[in-house]
């Protein structure tokens, strides 16, 4: 395949920027943390955030906890996935741009350099929280389920990932909350393909100090 055809194929993907190199994350710290029962006790939604950004290490740990690879021998993840389809992509919106988390390489693939956080929800806090996580299902990957089951299964899988984010935030002293998002407005900026659907969005950051 020649260079022109390669570029054309990549452009059709829609989720990958050809202009920006991937952003490498530090290896996730998978040791330590709060005991599970204590994290469950501390788990809660918070709607007030400090605007300071999350350090790369914290962001790496957060994304790994949500849907990272915890078994390298078979690339299985920290959250269940129906029929192991792994159809959920995590889009990460920060002040510096929008990215897709690549669990296999532990990198952020650049989608846009635009700050779209305020477009991820209708609440005022979405503009303040340093990170917005958008969980997107790619139904094209779901080759095993029946067509009528895809939406339900993807929603369940996104719920597992969201809860992992909640528990990590409880353990790490971060604030987080799930919120509704504008499906139509975000599709274009995320450069989604027809078979992709936004399931849910979740803001994450340090809690606002009183």
N, C-alpha and C. Protein backbone atom coordinates (compact mmCIF):
# COMPACT_ATOMS: atom_id res chain seq x y z
N UNK A 1 0.85 -1.20 0.00
CA UNK A 1 0.00 0.00 0.00
C UNK A 1 0.89 1.25 0.00
N UNK A 2 0.61 2.24 -0.91
CA UNK A 2 1.45 3.42 -0.97
C UNK A 2 1.06 4.43 0.09
N UNK A 3 1.88 5.49 0.22
CA UNK A 3 1.67 6.48 1.28
C UNK A 3 0.32 7.17 1.17
N UNK A 4 -0.09 7.46 -0.07
CA UNK A 4 -1.37 8.15 -0.26
C UNK A 4 -2.53 7.31 0.25
N UNK A 5 -2.51 6.03 -0.04
CA UNK A 5 -3.58 5.15 0.43
C UNK A 5 -3.56 4.99 1.94
N UNK A 6 -2.37 4.95 2.54
CA UNK A 6 -2.26 4.85 3.99
C UNK A 6 -2.88 6.06 4.65
N UNK A 7 -2.56 7.26 4.16
CA UNK A 7 -3.11 8.49 4.73
C UNK A 7 -4.62 8.55 4.55
N UNK A 8 -5.10 8.09 3.41
CA UNK A 8 -6.54 8.10 3.18
C UNK A 8 -7.25 7.16 4.14
N UNK A 9 -6.65 5.99 4.38
CA UNK A 9 -7.26 5.04 5.31
C UNK A 9 -7.29 5.58 6.72
N UNK A 10 -6.22 6.23 7.13
CA UNK A 10 -6.19 6.80 8.48
C UNK A 10 -7.21 7.93 8.61
N UNK A 11 -7.37 8.72 7.57
CA UNK A 11 -8.32 9.83 7.63
C UNK A 11 -9.74 9.32 7.81
N UNK A 12 -10.04 8.14 7.24
CA UNK A 12 -11.37 7.58 7.38
C UNK A 12 -11.68 7.18 8.81
N UNK A 13 -10.65 6.87 9.58
CA UNK A 13 -10.87 6.49 10.97
C UNK A 13 -11.55 7.61 11.72
N UNK A 14 -11.13 8.84 11.49
CA UNK A 14 -11.81 9.98 12.06
C UNK A 14 -11.42 10.31 13.48
N UNK A 15 -10.95 9.34 14.25
CA UNK A 15 -10.63 9.59 15.65
C UNK A 15 -9.16 9.92 15.87
N UNK A 16 -8.34 9.81 14.84
CA UNK A 16 -6.91 9.98 15.01
C UNK A 16 -6.43 11.22 14.26
N UNK A 17 -5.66 12.04 14.94
CA UNK A 17 -5.09 13.21 14.29
C UNK A 17 -3.79 12.82 13.60
N UNK A 18 -3.64 13.20 12.34
CA UNK A 18 -2.42 12.91 11.61
C UNK A 18 -1.33 13.94 11.90
N UNK A 19 -1.69 15.06 12.53
CA UNK A 19 -0.75 16.15 12.72
C UNK A 19 0.01 16.05 14.03
N UNK A 20 -0.60 15.48 15.05
CA UNK A 20 -0.01 15.48 16.38
C UNK A 20 0.47 14.08 16.77
N UNK A 21 1.67 13.96 17.31
CA UNK A 21 2.15 12.65 17.78
C UNK A 21 1.42 12.24 19.05
N UNK A 22 1.39 10.95 19.36
CA UNK A 22 0.76 10.50 20.61
C UNK A 22 1.47 11.09 21.82
N UNK A 23 0.71 11.24 22.90
CA UNK A 23 1.25 11.74 24.16
C UNK A 23 1.50 10.53 25.07
N UNK A 24 2.76 10.26 25.36
CA UNK A 24 3.10 9.12 26.21
C UNK A 24 2.76 9.41 27.66
N UNK A 25 2.17 8.45 28.33
CA UNK A 25 1.87 8.55 29.75
C UNK A 25 2.90 7.75 30.55
N UNK A 26 3.18 8.17 31.78
CA UNK A 26 4.07 7.34 32.60
C UNK A 26 3.41 6.00 32.92
N UNK A 27 4.20 4.97 33.16
CA UNK A 27 3.60 3.67 33.52
C UNK A 27 2.69 3.82 34.73
N UNK A 28 1.51 3.20 34.70
CA UNK A 28 0.60 3.33 35.84
C UNK A 28 1.18 2.70 37.09
N UNK A 29 0.92 3.34 38.21
CA UNK A 29 1.34 2.80 39.50
C UNK A 29 0.23 1.87 39.99
N UNK A 30 0.45 0.59 39.89
CA UNK A 30 -0.60 -0.38 40.21
C UNK A 30 -0.45 -0.96 41.62
N UNK A 31 0.40 -0.38 42.42
CA UNK A 31 0.58 -0.85 43.80
C UNK A 31 0.04 0.19 44.77
N UNK A 32 -0.30 -0.25 45.97
CA UNK A 32 -0.72 0.68 47.02
C UNK A 32 -2.16 1.13 46.84
N UNK A 33 -2.44 2.31 47.35
CA UNK A 33 -3.80 2.82 47.29
C UNK A 33 -4.60 2.44 48.52
N UNK A 34 -5.82 2.94 48.57
CA UNK A 34 -6.72 2.73 49.69
C UNK A 34 -7.30 1.32 49.66
N UNK A 35 -7.48 0.67 50.81
CA UNK A 35 -8.15 -0.63 50.82
C UNK A 35 -9.54 -0.54 50.18
N UNK A 36 -9.96 -1.59 49.51
CA UNK A 36 -11.20 -1.58 48.75
C UNK A 36 -12.40 -1.18 49.59
N UNK A 37 -12.55 -1.75 50.76
CA UNK A 37 -13.72 -1.45 51.58
C UNK A 37 -13.75 0.02 51.99
N UNK A 38 -12.59 0.59 52.22
CA UNK A 38 -12.54 2.01 52.56
C UNK A 38 -12.88 2.87 51.34
N UNK A 39 -12.38 2.45 50.16
CA UNK A 39 -12.70 3.20 48.94
C UNK A 39 -14.20 3.17 48.67
N UNK A 40 -14.84 2.01 48.90
CA UNK A 40 -16.28 1.93 48.74
C UNK A 40 -17.01 2.86 49.71
N UNK A 41 -16.47 2.94 50.91
CA UNK A 41 -17.07 3.82 51.91
C UNK A 41 -16.93 5.29 51.51
N UNK A 42 -15.80 5.63 50.88
CA UNK A 42 -15.54 7.02 50.51
C UNK A 42 -16.12 7.40 49.14
N UNK A 43 -16.58 6.43 48.36
CA UNK A 43 -17.07 6.72 47.02
C UNK A 43 -18.28 7.66 47.03
N UNK A 44 -18.21 8.74 46.26
CA UNK A 44 -19.32 9.70 46.20
C UNK A 44 -19.16 10.57 44.96
N UNK A 45 -20.24 11.28 44.64
CA UNK A 45 -20.21 12.26 43.57
C UNK A 45 -19.91 13.63 44.16
N UNK A 46 -19.08 14.39 43.47
CA UNK A 46 -18.74 15.75 43.91
C UNK A 46 -18.86 16.68 42.72
N UNK A 47 -19.42 17.86 42.94
CA UNK A 47 -19.70 18.78 41.84
C UNK A 47 -18.95 20.10 41.96
N UNK A 48 -17.96 20.14 42.84
CA UNK A 48 -17.12 21.34 42.96
C UNK A 48 -15.66 20.90 42.79
N UNK A 49 -14.96 21.58 41.88
CA UNK A 49 -13.62 21.17 41.50
C UNK A 49 -12.63 22.31 41.61
N UNK A 50 -11.39 21.94 41.96
CA UNK A 50 -10.26 22.86 41.83
C UNK A 50 -9.80 22.78 40.37
N UNK A 51 -9.53 23.90 39.73
CA UNK A 51 -9.18 23.86 38.31
C UNK A 51 -7.77 23.36 37.99
N UNK A 52 -6.93 23.15 39.01
CA UNK A 52 -5.55 22.76 38.70
C UNK A 52 -5.51 21.42 37.98
N UNK A 53 -4.64 21.27 36.99
CA UNK A 53 -4.61 20.04 36.19
C UNK A 53 -4.12 18.84 36.98
N UNK A 54 -4.49 17.66 36.50
CA UNK A 54 -3.98 16.43 37.09
C UNK A 54 -2.58 16.16 36.56
N UNK A 55 -1.64 15.80 37.41
CA UNK A 55 -0.30 15.42 36.93
C UNK A 55 -0.39 14.21 36.00
N UNK A 56 0.56 14.06 35.08
CA UNK A 56 0.54 12.91 34.16
C UNK A 56 0.45 11.56 34.87
N UNK A 57 1.14 11.42 36.01
CA UNK A 57 1.09 10.14 36.72
C UNK A 57 -0.31 9.83 37.21
N UNK A 58 -0.98 10.84 37.76
CA UNK A 58 -2.34 10.64 38.26
C UNK A 58 -3.28 10.31 37.11
N UNK A 59 -3.13 11.00 35.99
CA UNK A 59 -3.98 10.73 34.83
C UNK A 59 -3.74 9.31 34.31
N UNK A 60 -2.49 8.89 34.27
CA UNK A 60 -2.18 7.54 33.83
C UNK A 60 -2.81 6.50 34.76
N UNK A 61 -2.70 6.72 36.05
CA UNK A 61 -3.28 5.79 37.03
C UNK A 61 -4.80 5.76 36.90
N UNK A 62 -5.41 6.92 36.71
CA UNK A 62 -6.87 7.02 36.57
C UNK A 62 -7.35 6.21 35.36
N UNK A 63 -6.71 6.41 34.22
CA UNK A 63 -7.14 5.74 33.00
C UNK A 63 -6.90 4.23 33.08
N UNK A 64 -5.78 3.83 33.68
CA UNK A 64 -5.52 2.40 33.84
C UNK A 64 -6.57 1.79 34.75
N UNK A 65 -6.90 2.47 35.85
CA UNK A 65 -7.92 1.94 36.76
C UNK A 65 -9.25 1.78 36.04
N UNK A 66 -9.57 2.73 35.17
CA UNK A 66 -10.85 2.68 34.48
C UNK A 66 -10.96 1.52 33.50
N UNK A 67 -9.98 1.40 32.60
CA UNK A 67 -10.08 0.36 31.57
C UNK A 67 -8.71 0.02 31.00
N UNK A 68 -7.73 -0.06 31.90
CA UNK A 68 -6.39 -0.42 31.46
C UNK A 68 -6.21 -1.92 31.36
N UNK A 69 -5.08 -2.31 30.85
CA UNK A 69 -4.76 -3.73 30.70
C UNK A 69 -4.12 -4.24 32.00
N UNK A 70 -4.77 -5.21 32.63
CA UNK A 70 -4.22 -5.76 33.88
C UNK A 70 -3.72 -7.20 33.72
N UNK A 71 -3.85 -7.74 32.50
CA UNK A 71 -3.32 -9.07 32.19
C UNK A 71 -2.67 -9.00 30.81
N UNK A 72 -1.38 -8.78 30.82
CA UNK A 72 -0.68 -8.54 29.56
C UNK A 72 -0.66 -9.76 28.64
N UNK A 73 -0.80 -10.95 29.22
CA UNK A 73 -0.73 -12.15 28.39
C UNK A 73 -1.90 -12.26 27.41
N UNK A 74 -3.03 -11.61 27.73
CA UNK A 74 -4.18 -11.68 26.82
C UNK A 74 -4.85 -10.32 26.61
N UNK A 75 -4.22 -9.25 27.12
CA UNK A 75 -4.72 -7.87 26.94
C UNK A 75 -6.11 -7.67 27.53
N UNK A 76 -6.45 -8.45 28.57
CA UNK A 76 -7.72 -8.24 29.25
C UNK A 76 -7.62 -7.03 30.18
N UNK A 77 -8.78 -6.50 30.55
CA UNK A 77 -8.84 -5.17 31.15
C UNK A 77 -9.26 -5.18 32.62
N UNK A 78 -9.19 -4.00 33.23
CA UNK A 78 -9.58 -3.83 34.63
C UNK A 78 -11.09 -3.81 34.82
N UNK A 79 -11.85 -3.65 33.73
CA UNK A 79 -13.31 -3.67 33.79
C UNK A 79 -13.83 -4.77 32.88
N UNK A 80 -14.94 -5.42 33.25
CA UNK A 80 -15.51 -6.45 32.38
C UNK A 80 -15.96 -5.87 31.04
N UNK A 81 -16.00 -6.73 30.04
CA UNK A 81 -16.47 -6.34 28.71
C UNK A 81 -17.26 -7.49 28.14
N UNK A 82 -18.50 -7.23 27.75
CA UNK A 82 -19.37 -8.29 27.25
C UNK A 82 -18.72 -9.01 26.07
N UNK A 83 -18.56 -10.33 26.20
CA UNK A 83 -17.96 -11.17 25.16
C UNK A 83 -16.56 -10.70 24.78
N UNK A 84 -15.93 -9.96 25.70
CA UNK A 84 -14.59 -9.41 25.51
C UNK A 84 -14.47 -8.60 24.20
N UNK A 85 -15.52 -7.85 23.90
CA UNK A 85 -15.50 -7.05 22.67
C UNK A 85 -14.68 -5.76 22.84
N UNK A 86 -14.54 -5.30 24.10
CA UNK A 86 -13.74 -4.11 24.40
C UNK A 86 -14.11 -2.95 23.46
N UNK A 87 -15.41 -2.69 23.42
CA UNK A 87 -15.94 -1.70 22.46
C UNK A 87 -15.94 -0.27 22.99
N UNK A 88 -15.59 -0.08 24.26
CA UNK A 88 -15.62 1.27 24.84
C UNK A 88 -14.28 1.96 24.66
N UNK A 89 -14.32 3.16 24.10
CA UNK A 89 -13.15 4.04 24.02
C UNK A 89 -13.31 5.15 25.04
N UNK A 90 -12.19 5.53 25.67
CA UNK A 90 -12.20 6.63 26.63
C UNK A 90 -11.60 7.85 25.96
N UNK A 91 -12.42 8.85 25.74
CA UNK A 91 -11.96 10.14 25.24
C UNK A 91 -11.65 11.03 26.44
N UNK A 92 -10.52 11.71 26.39
CA UNK A 92 -10.04 12.51 27.51
C UNK A 92 -9.97 13.97 27.06
N UNK A 93 -10.80 14.81 27.66
CA UNK A 93 -10.81 16.23 27.31
C UNK A 93 -10.14 17.04 28.42
N UNK A 94 -9.14 17.83 28.06
CA UNK A 94 -8.43 18.70 29.00
C UNK A 94 -8.32 20.09 28.39
N UNK A 95 -7.68 20.99 29.12
CA UNK A 95 -7.48 22.34 28.60
C UNK A 95 -6.58 22.33 27.36
N UNK A 96 -5.78 21.28 27.20
CA UNK A 96 -4.84 21.21 26.07
C UNK A 96 -5.41 20.53 24.84
N UNK A 97 -6.57 19.89 24.96
CA UNK A 97 -7.15 19.24 23.80
C UNK A 97 -7.93 18.00 24.16
N UNK A 98 -8.25 17.22 23.12
CA UNK A 98 -9.03 16.00 23.27
C UNK A 98 -8.18 14.83 22.77
N UNK A 99 -8.25 13.73 23.52
CA UNK A 99 -7.42 12.57 23.21
C UNK A 99 -8.24 11.29 23.37
N UNK A 100 -7.74 10.21 22.77
CA UNK A 100 -8.28 8.87 23.01
C UNK A 100 -7.22 8.06 23.75
N UNK A 101 -7.63 7.41 24.81
CA UNK A 101 -6.72 6.58 25.59
C UNK A 101 -6.45 5.28 24.87
N UNK A 102 -5.18 5.01 24.59
CA UNK A 102 -4.75 3.75 24.00
C UNK A 102 -4.14 2.90 25.11
N UNK A 103 -4.91 1.94 25.59
CA UNK A 103 -4.46 1.14 26.74
C UNK A 103 -3.27 0.26 26.37
N UNK A 104 -3.18 -0.19 25.14
CA UNK A 104 -2.11 -1.10 24.75
C UNK A 104 -0.75 -0.43 24.77
N UNK A 105 -0.70 0.84 24.40
CA UNK A 105 0.57 1.57 24.37
C UNK A 105 0.70 2.54 25.53
N UNK A 106 -0.36 2.68 26.33
CA UNK A 106 -0.40 3.66 27.43
C UNK A 106 -0.08 5.06 26.91
N UNK A 107 -0.81 5.44 25.87
CA UNK A 107 -0.63 6.74 25.25
C UNK A 107 -1.98 7.42 25.05
N UNK A 108 -1.92 8.72 24.85
CA UNK A 108 -3.09 9.49 24.47
C UNK A 108 -2.95 9.86 22.99
N UNK A 109 -3.92 9.45 22.19
CA UNK A 109 -3.91 9.75 20.77
C UNK A 109 -4.69 11.05 20.55
N UNK A 110 -4.04 12.03 19.97
CA UNK A 110 -4.65 13.34 19.82
C UNK A 110 -5.79 13.33 18.82
N UNK A 111 -6.92 13.88 19.23
CA UNK A 111 -8.08 14.05 18.36
C UNK A 111 -8.22 15.50 17.93
N UNK A 112 -8.01 16.42 18.88
CA UNK A 112 -8.16 17.84 18.61
C UNK A 112 -7.37 18.63 19.64
N UNK A 113 -6.92 19.82 19.26
CA UNK A 113 -6.23 20.69 20.21
C UNK A 113 -7.20 21.66 20.88
N UNK A 114 -8.48 21.49 20.64
CA UNK A 114 -9.51 22.38 21.19
C UNK A 114 -9.88 21.97 22.61
N UNK A 115 -10.14 22.95 23.46
CA UNK A 115 -10.64 22.69 24.81
C UNK A 115 -12.17 22.60 24.73
N UNK A 116 -12.70 21.40 24.84
CA UNK A 116 -14.14 21.18 24.67
C UNK A 116 -14.84 20.85 25.97
N UNK A 117 -14.18 21.03 27.09
CA UNK A 117 -14.77 20.58 28.36
C UNK A 117 -16.15 21.17 28.60
N UNK A 118 -16.35 22.43 28.26
CA UNK A 118 -17.65 23.05 28.51
C UNK A 118 -18.75 22.47 27.63
N UNK A 119 -18.37 21.72 26.61
CA UNK A 119 -19.35 21.11 25.72
C UNK A 119 -19.69 19.68 26.12
N UNK A 120 -19.06 19.21 27.20
CA UNK A 120 -19.32 17.83 27.63
C UNK A 120 -20.51 17.72 28.58
N UNK A 121 -21.12 18.85 28.96
CA UNK A 121 -22.27 18.83 29.84
C UNK A 121 -22.87 20.22 29.97
N UNK A 122 -24.02 20.30 30.59
CA UNK A 122 -24.73 21.57 30.74
C UNK A 122 -24.44 22.25 32.08
N UNK A 123 -23.77 21.56 32.98
CA UNK A 123 -23.51 22.10 34.31
C UNK A 123 -22.28 23.01 34.28
N UNK A 124 -22.25 23.99 35.17
CA UNK A 124 -21.13 24.94 35.21
C UNK A 124 -19.81 24.25 35.56
N UNK A 125 -19.86 23.22 36.38
CA UNK A 125 -18.61 22.61 36.84
C UNK A 125 -17.82 21.91 35.73
N UNK A 126 -18.47 21.57 34.62
CA UNK A 126 -17.73 20.88 33.56
C UNK A 126 -16.65 21.77 32.96
N UNK A 127 -16.80 23.09 33.09
CA UNK A 127 -15.80 24.02 32.59
C UNK A 127 -14.63 24.18 33.55
N UNK A 128 -14.83 23.76 34.81
CA UNK A 128 -13.82 23.94 35.85
C UNK A 128 -12.99 22.68 36.04
N UNK A 129 -13.63 21.53 36.05
CA UNK A 129 -12.91 20.27 36.24
C UNK A 129 -11.83 20.11 35.18
N UNK A 130 -10.61 19.77 35.57
CA UNK A 130 -9.51 19.72 34.59
C UNK A 130 -9.62 18.59 33.58
N UNK A 131 -10.41 17.56 33.89
CA UNK A 131 -10.52 16.41 32.98
C UNK A 131 -11.99 16.03 32.81
N UNK A 132 -12.38 15.84 31.56
CA UNK A 132 -13.68 15.25 31.25
C UNK A 132 -13.43 13.93 30.52
N UNK A 133 -14.00 12.88 31.03
CA UNK A 133 -13.88 11.56 30.42
C UNK A 133 -15.18 11.24 29.68
N UNK A 134 -15.08 10.96 28.39
CA UNK A 134 -16.26 10.65 27.59
C UNK A 134 -16.15 9.21 27.13
N UNK A 135 -17.11 8.40 27.55
CA UNK A 135 -17.10 6.98 27.21
C UNK A 135 -17.92 6.77 25.95
N UNK A 136 -17.25 6.26 24.92
CA UNK A 136 -17.84 6.12 23.60
C UNK A 136 -17.81 4.65 23.18
N UNK A 137 -18.95 4.13 22.77
CA UNK A 137 -19.03 2.74 22.29
C UNK A 137 -18.85 2.71 20.78
N UNK A 138 -18.05 1.76 20.33
CA UNK A 138 -17.87 1.53 18.90
C UNK A 138 -18.57 0.22 18.56
N UNK A 139 -19.79 0.34 18.03
CA UNK A 139 -20.60 -0.84 17.75
C UNK A 139 -19.99 -1.70 16.65
N UNK A 140 -19.12 -1.14 15.82
CA UNK A 140 -18.49 -1.93 14.75
C UNK A 140 -17.62 -3.04 15.32
N UNK A 141 -17.11 -2.85 16.55
CA UNK A 141 -16.29 -3.89 17.17
C UNK A 141 -17.12 -5.02 17.76
N UNK A 142 -18.40 -4.77 17.93
CA UNK A 142 -19.26 -5.75 18.61
C UNK A 142 -19.80 -6.73 17.57
N UNK A 143 -18.96 -7.66 17.16
CA UNK A 143 -19.33 -8.59 16.10
C UNK A 143 -20.07 -9.82 16.65
N UNK A 144 -19.96 -10.07 17.95
CA UNK A 144 -20.59 -11.25 18.53
C UNK A 144 -22.04 -11.01 18.97
N UNK A 145 -22.35 -9.89 19.63
CA UNK A 145 -23.73 -9.70 20.07
C UNK A 145 -24.69 -9.47 18.90
N UNK A 146 -25.97 -9.76 19.14
CA UNK A 146 -27.00 -9.44 18.17
C UNK A 146 -27.14 -7.92 18.08
N UNK A 147 -27.53 -7.38 16.94
CA UNK A 147 -27.64 -5.92 16.78
C UNK A 147 -28.51 -5.27 17.85
N UNK A 148 -29.60 -5.91 18.22
CA UNK A 148 -30.50 -5.31 19.20
C UNK A 148 -29.93 -5.33 20.62
N UNK A 149 -28.85 -6.07 20.85
CA UNK A 149 -28.24 -6.15 22.18
C UNK A 149 -27.08 -5.19 22.37
N UNK A 150 -26.59 -4.62 21.29
CA UNK A 150 -25.35 -3.84 21.37
C UNK A 150 -25.47 -2.64 22.29
N UNK A 151 -26.53 -1.88 22.17
CA UNK A 151 -26.68 -0.66 22.97
C UNK A 151 -26.73 -0.99 24.46
N UNK A 152 -27.51 -2.00 24.82
CA UNK A 152 -27.64 -2.38 26.23
C UNK A 152 -26.31 -2.86 26.80
N UNK A 153 -25.62 -3.72 26.06
CA UNK A 153 -24.35 -4.26 26.55
C UNK A 153 -23.29 -3.17 26.67
N UNK A 154 -23.25 -2.27 25.70
CA UNK A 154 -22.27 -1.19 25.76
C UNK A 154 -22.54 -0.26 26.94
N UNK A 155 -23.81 -0.02 27.24
CA UNK A 155 -24.16 0.82 28.39
C UNK A 155 -23.72 0.17 29.69
N UNK A 156 -23.93 -1.13 29.80
CA UNK A 156 -23.49 -1.86 31.00
C UNK A 156 -21.96 -1.80 31.13
N UNK A 157 -21.26 -2.02 30.03
CA UNK A 157 -19.80 -2.00 30.06
C UNK A 157 -19.28 -0.62 30.46
N UNK A 158 -19.91 0.44 29.95
CA UNK A 158 -19.50 1.79 30.33
C UNK A 158 -19.72 2.03 31.82
N UNK A 159 -20.77 1.43 32.37
CA UNK A 159 -21.03 1.56 33.80
C UNK A 159 -19.93 0.94 34.65
N UNK A 160 -19.41 -0.20 34.21
CA UNK A 160 -18.29 -0.82 34.93
C UNK A 160 -17.09 0.13 34.96
N UNK A 161 -16.78 0.71 33.81
CA UNK A 161 -15.62 1.60 33.71
C UNK A 161 -15.81 2.83 34.57
N UNK A 162 -17.01 3.39 34.51
CA UNK A 162 -17.30 4.58 35.32
C UNK A 162 -17.14 4.30 36.80
N UNK A 163 -17.60 3.15 37.25
CA UNK A 163 -17.44 2.80 38.66
C UNK A 163 -15.97 2.64 39.02
N UNK A 164 -15.18 2.09 38.12
CA UNK A 164 -13.73 2.02 38.38
C UNK A 164 -13.15 3.41 38.57
N UNK A 165 -13.59 4.36 37.75
CA UNK A 165 -13.13 5.75 37.92
C UNK A 165 -13.54 6.28 39.29
N UNK A 166 -14.76 6.00 39.69
CA UNK A 166 -15.24 6.46 40.99
C UNK A 166 -14.38 5.90 42.13
N UNK A 167 -14.08 4.61 42.07
CA UNK A 167 -13.32 4.00 43.14
C UNK A 167 -11.88 4.50 43.17
N UNK A 168 -11.29 4.70 41.99
CA UNK A 168 -9.94 5.28 41.97
C UNK A 168 -9.96 6.67 42.57
N UNK A 169 -10.94 7.48 42.19
CA UNK A 169 -11.01 8.84 42.72
C UNK A 169 -11.17 8.84 44.23
N UNK A 170 -11.97 7.93 44.75
CA UNK A 170 -12.11 7.82 46.21
C UNK A 170 -10.77 7.49 46.85
N UNK A 171 -10.03 6.56 46.24
CA UNK A 171 -8.75 6.15 46.78
C UNK A 171 -7.70 7.25 46.69
N UNK A 172 -7.74 8.04 45.60
CA UNK A 172 -6.70 9.04 45.34
C UNK A 172 -7.07 10.43 45.85
N UNK A 173 -8.23 10.57 46.49
CA UNK A 173 -8.63 11.88 47.01
C UNK A 173 -9.07 12.85 45.92
N UNK A 174 -9.60 12.32 44.82
CA UNK A 174 -10.08 13.15 43.72
C UNK A 174 -11.60 13.28 43.78
N UNK A 175 -12.11 14.30 43.12
CA UNK A 175 -13.55 14.50 42.99
C UNK A 175 -13.99 14.04 41.61
N UNK A 176 -15.19 13.47 41.53
CA UNK A 176 -15.72 13.04 40.24
C UNK A 176 -17.23 13.01 40.27
N UNK A 177 -17.84 13.13 39.10
CA UNK A 177 -19.29 13.03 38.98
C UNK A 177 -19.63 12.70 37.52
N UNK A 178 -20.64 11.87 37.34
CA UNK A 178 -21.16 11.55 36.02
C UNK A 178 -22.26 12.54 35.69
N UNK A 179 -22.35 12.92 34.42
CA UNK A 179 -23.38 13.88 34.02
C UNK A 179 -23.84 13.62 32.60
N UNK A 180 -25.00 14.16 32.29
CA UNK A 180 -25.52 14.05 30.93
C UNK A 180 -24.68 14.90 29.99
N UNK A 181 -24.70 14.53 28.71
CA UNK A 181 -23.92 15.27 27.74
C UNK A 181 -24.72 15.48 26.47
N UNK A 182 -24.31 16.45 25.69
CA UNK A 182 -24.97 16.79 24.44
C UNK A 182 -24.45 15.85 23.35
N UNK A 183 -25.26 14.84 23.03
CA UNK A 183 -24.83 13.84 22.06
C UNK A 183 -24.50 14.45 20.70
N UNK A 184 -25.38 15.31 20.22
CA UNK A 184 -25.21 15.87 18.88
C UNK A 184 -24.01 16.81 18.82
N UNK A 185 -23.90 17.69 19.80
CA UNK A 185 -22.83 18.68 19.78
C UNK A 185 -21.44 18.09 19.88
N UNK A 186 -21.32 16.95 20.57
CA UNK A 186 -20.00 16.36 20.79
C UNK A 186 -19.54 15.46 19.64
N UNK A 187 -20.47 14.92 18.90
CA UNK A 187 -20.10 13.97 17.86
C UNK A 187 -19.10 14.57 16.87
N UNK A 188 -19.38 15.79 16.45
CA UNK A 188 -18.53 16.40 15.44
C UNK A 188 -17.14 16.69 15.99
N UNK A 189 -17.08 17.25 17.19
CA UNK A 189 -15.77 17.63 17.74
C UNK A 189 -14.94 16.40 18.08
N UNK A 190 -15.59 15.29 18.42
CA UNK A 190 -14.87 14.04 18.71
C UNK A 190 -14.55 13.27 17.44
N UNK A 191 -15.10 13.73 16.32
CA UNK A 191 -14.85 13.09 15.02
C UNK A 191 -15.26 11.62 15.03
N UNK A 192 -16.47 11.38 15.54
CA UNK A 192 -16.94 10.01 15.67
C UNK A 192 -17.41 9.45 14.34
N UNK A 193 -17.25 8.15 14.21
CA UNK A 193 -17.73 7.42 13.05
C UNK A 193 -19.21 7.10 13.23
N UNK A 194 -19.91 6.74 12.16
CA UNK A 194 -21.34 6.45 12.27
C UNK A 194 -21.68 5.36 13.29
N UNK A 195 -20.79 4.38 13.46
CA UNK A 195 -21.05 3.27 14.37
C UNK A 195 -20.67 3.57 15.82
N UNK A 196 -20.21 4.78 16.09
CA UNK A 196 -19.84 5.14 17.46
C UNK A 196 -20.97 5.92 18.13
N UNK A 197 -21.11 5.71 19.43
CA UNK A 197 -22.15 6.39 20.21
C UNK A 197 -21.59 6.82 21.55
N UNK A 198 -21.85 8.06 21.93
CA UNK A 198 -21.47 8.55 23.26
C UNK A 198 -22.41 7.95 24.29
N UNK A 199 -21.84 7.30 25.30
CA UNK A 199 -22.65 6.67 26.34
C UNK A 199 -22.80 7.58 27.55
N UNK A 200 -21.68 8.13 28.03
CA UNK A 200 -21.73 8.92 29.26
C UNK A 200 -20.48 9.79 29.36
N UNK A 201 -20.57 10.84 30.16
CA UNK A 201 -19.40 11.69 30.43
C UNK A 201 -19.21 11.81 31.94
N UNK A 202 -17.97 12.02 32.35
CA UNK A 202 -17.62 12.05 33.76
C UNK A 202 -16.51 13.06 34.00
N UNK A 203 -16.75 14.02 34.88
CA UNK A 203 -15.73 15.02 35.21
C UNK A 203 -14.87 14.53 36.36
N UNK A 204 -13.58 14.86 36.30
CA UNK A 204 -12.64 14.43 37.33
C UNK A 204 -11.68 15.58 37.63
N UNK A 205 -11.34 15.73 38.91
CA UNK A 205 -10.37 16.74 39.30
C UNK A 205 -10.15 16.71 40.80
N UNK A 206 -9.34 17.62 41.27
CA UNK A 206 -9.17 17.74 42.71
C UNK A 206 -10.38 18.44 43.31
N UNK A 207 -10.77 18.05 44.52
CA UNK A 207 -11.92 18.74 45.13
C UNK A 207 -11.62 20.19 45.43
N UNK A 208 -12.62 21.01 45.30
CA UNK A 208 -12.47 22.44 45.60
C UNK A 208 -12.27 22.63 47.09
N UNK A 209 -11.25 23.40 47.43
CA UNK A 209 -11.00 23.66 48.85
C UNK A 209 -11.90 24.77 49.33
N UNK A 210 -12.40 24.60 50.51
CA UNK A 210 -13.32 25.58 51.09
C UNK A 210 -12.56 26.83 51.51
